[in-house]
Amino acid sequence: MAEFFVENTENTPKTGPQIHKKDCRLIVATQPLHYLGSFSHVDAAIEKAKGRYHAISLCPKCLPEKTPTA
């Protein structure tokens, strides 16, 4: 199972904050993150993030296999 985080800001209102895996190299240490949880598939992390954010997107580096969701 992988651990997922989402940027804790709405700095990109059109696409929303990005979901990242825990070991993503694009996560900035000073960036506020919200822990989504440990899931066997990114779809579960997406559903949880949708409950908190109006729009979300996926990191192109650590989650390239999925298309962004709005």
C-alpha atoms as a PDB file:
ATOM      1  CA  MET A   1       0.000   0.000   0.000  1.00  0.00           C
ATOM      2  CA  ALA A   2       1.162   3.515  -0.740  1.00  0.00           C
ATOM      3  CA  GLU A   3       0.800   6.628   1.375  1.00  0.00           C
ATOM      4  CA  PHE A   4      -0.695   9.674  -0.341  1.00  0.00           C
ATOM      5  CA  PHE A   5      -0.539  13.387   0.394  1.00  0.00           C
ATOM      6  CA  VAL A   6      -2.207  16.406  -1.167  1.00  0.00           C
ATOM      7  CA  GLU A   7      -0.861  19.944  -1.233  1.00  0.00           C
ATOM      8  CA  ASN A   8      -2.675  21.821   1.516  1.00  0.00           C
ATOM      9  CA  THR A   9      -3.299  24.904  -0.611  1.00  0.00           C
ATOM     10  CA  GLU A  10      -5.659  25.928  -3.384  1.00  0.00           C
ATOM     11  CA  ASN A  11      -2.893  27.773  -5.229  1.00  0.00           C
ATOM     12  CA  THR A  12      -4.096  26.529  -8.607  1.00  0.00           C
ATOM     13  CA  PRO A  13      -7.874  27.026  -8.592  1.00  0.00           C
ATOM     14  CA  LYS A  14      -8.409  25.647 -12.108  1.00  0.00           C
ATOM     15  CA  THR A  15      -6.719  22.289 -11.547  1.00  0.00           C
ATOM     16  CA  GLY A  16      -6.588  22.270  -7.756  1.00  0.00           C
ATOM     17  CA  PRO A  17      -3.810  20.996  -5.520  1.00  0.00           C
ATOM     18  CA  GLN A  18      -1.835  17.925  -6.558  1.00  0.00           C
ATOM     19  CA  ILE A  19      -1.929  14.480  -5.000  1.00  0.00           C
ATOM     20  CA  HIS A  20       1.515  12.935  -4.441  1.00  0.00           C
ATOM     21  CA  LYS A  21       2.882   9.620  -3.217  1.00  0.00           C
ATOM     22  CA  LYS A  22       4.939   9.827  -0.026  1.00  0.00           C
ATOM     23  CA  ASP A  23       8.285   9.347  -1.788  1.00  0.00           C
ATOM     24  CA  CYS A  24       7.664  11.876  -4.595  1.00  0.00           C
ATOM     25  CA  ARG A  25      10.682  14.031  -5.418  1.00  0.00           C
ATOM     26  CA  LEU A  26       8.427  16.990  -6.301  1.00  0.00           C
ATOM     27  CA  ILE A  27       7.153  17.401  -2.739  1.00  0.00           C
ATOM     28  CA  VAL A  28       8.790  20.482  -1.267  1.00  0.00           C
ATOM     29  CA  ALA A  29       9.742  20.112   2.404  1.00  0.00           C
ATOM     30  CA  THR A  30       8.364  23.559   3.276  1.00  0.00           C
ATOM     31  CA  GLN A  31       5.106  23.003   1.416  1.00  0.00           C
ATOM     32  CA  PRO A  32       2.088  22.338   3.649  1.00  0.00           C
ATOM     33  CA  LEU A  33       0.668  18.865   2.989  1.00  0.00           C
ATOM     34  CA  HIS A  34      -2.468  17.036   4.066  1.00  0.00           C
ATOM     35  CA  TYR A  35      -2.092  13.300   4.705  1.00  0.00           C
ATOM     36  CA  LEU A  36      -4.799  11.422   2.820  1.00  0.00           C
ATOM     37  CA  GLY A  37      -3.909   7.959   4.077  1.00  0.00           C
ATOM     38  CA  SER A  38      -2.505   4.626   2.997  1.00  0.00           C
ATOM     39  CA  PHE A  39      -4.327   3.072   0.050  1.00  0.00           C
ATOM     40  CA  SER A  40      -3.792   0.161  -2.302  1.00  0.00           C
ATOM     41  CA  HIS A  41      -4.812   2.269  -5.300  1.00  0.00           C
ATOM     42  CA  VAL A  42      -4.718   5.968  -6.122  1.00  0.00           C
ATOM     43  CA  ASP A  43      -8.464   5.976  -6.848  1.00  0.00           C
ATOM     44  CA  ALA A  44      -9.184   5.727  -3.115  1.00  0.00           C
ATOM     45  CA  ALA A  45      -6.890   8.688  -2.424  1.00  0.00           C
ATOM     46  CA  ILE A  46      -8.656  10.676  -5.155  1.00  0.00           C
ATOM     47  CA  GLU A  47     -12.059   9.999  -3.605  1.00  0.00           C
ATOM     48  CA  LYS A  48     -10.857  11.085  -0.174  1.00  0.00           C
ATOM     49  CA  ALA A  49      -9.314  14.285  -1.576  1.00  0.00           C
ATOM     50  CA  LYS A  50     -12.550  15.128  -3.391  1.00  0.00           C
ATOM     51  CA  GLY A  51     -14.223  15.379   0.000  1.00  0.00           C
ATOM     52  CA  ARG A  52     -11.879  18.203   0.987  1.00  0.00           C
ATOM     53  CA  TYR A  53     -11.022  20.050  -2.232  1.00  0.00           C
ATOM     54  CA  HIS A  54     -13.213  21.350  -5.048  1.00  0.00           C
ATOM     55  CA  ALA A  55     -10.729  20.355  -7.743  1.00  0.00           C
ATOM     56  CA  ILE A  56      -7.641  18.155  -7.583  1.00  0.00           C
ATOM     57  CA  SER A  57      -4.925  17.046  -9.943  1.00  0.00           C
ATOM     58  CA  LEU A  58      -2.319  14.318  -9.900  1.00  0.00           C
ATOM     59  CA  CYS A  59       1.423  14.745  -9.815  1.00  0.00           C
ATOM     60  CA  PRO A  60       2.816  14.005 -13.282  1.00  0.00           C
ATOM     61  CA  LYS A  61       6.012  12.595 -11.731  1.00  0.00           C
ATOM     62  CA  CYS A  62       4.746  10.077  -9.174  1.00  0.00           C
ATOM     63  CA  LEU A  63       1.247   9.390 -10.581  1.00  0.00           C
ATOM     64  CA  PRO A  64       1.672   9.594 -14.378  1.00  0.00           C
ATOM     65  CA  GLU A  65      -0.476   6.521 -15.029  1.00  0.00           C
ATOM     66  CA  LYS A  66      -3.705   8.333 -14.127  1.00  0.00           C
ATOM     67  CA  THR A  67      -5.295  11.289 -15.854  1.00  0.00           C
ATOM     68  CA  PRO A  68      -6.038  14.372 -13.735  1.00  0.00           C
ATOM     69  CA  THR A  69      -9.482  14.597 -12.209  1.00  0.00           C
ATOM     70  CA  ALA A  70     -11.565  17.664 -11.610  1.00  0.00           C
END
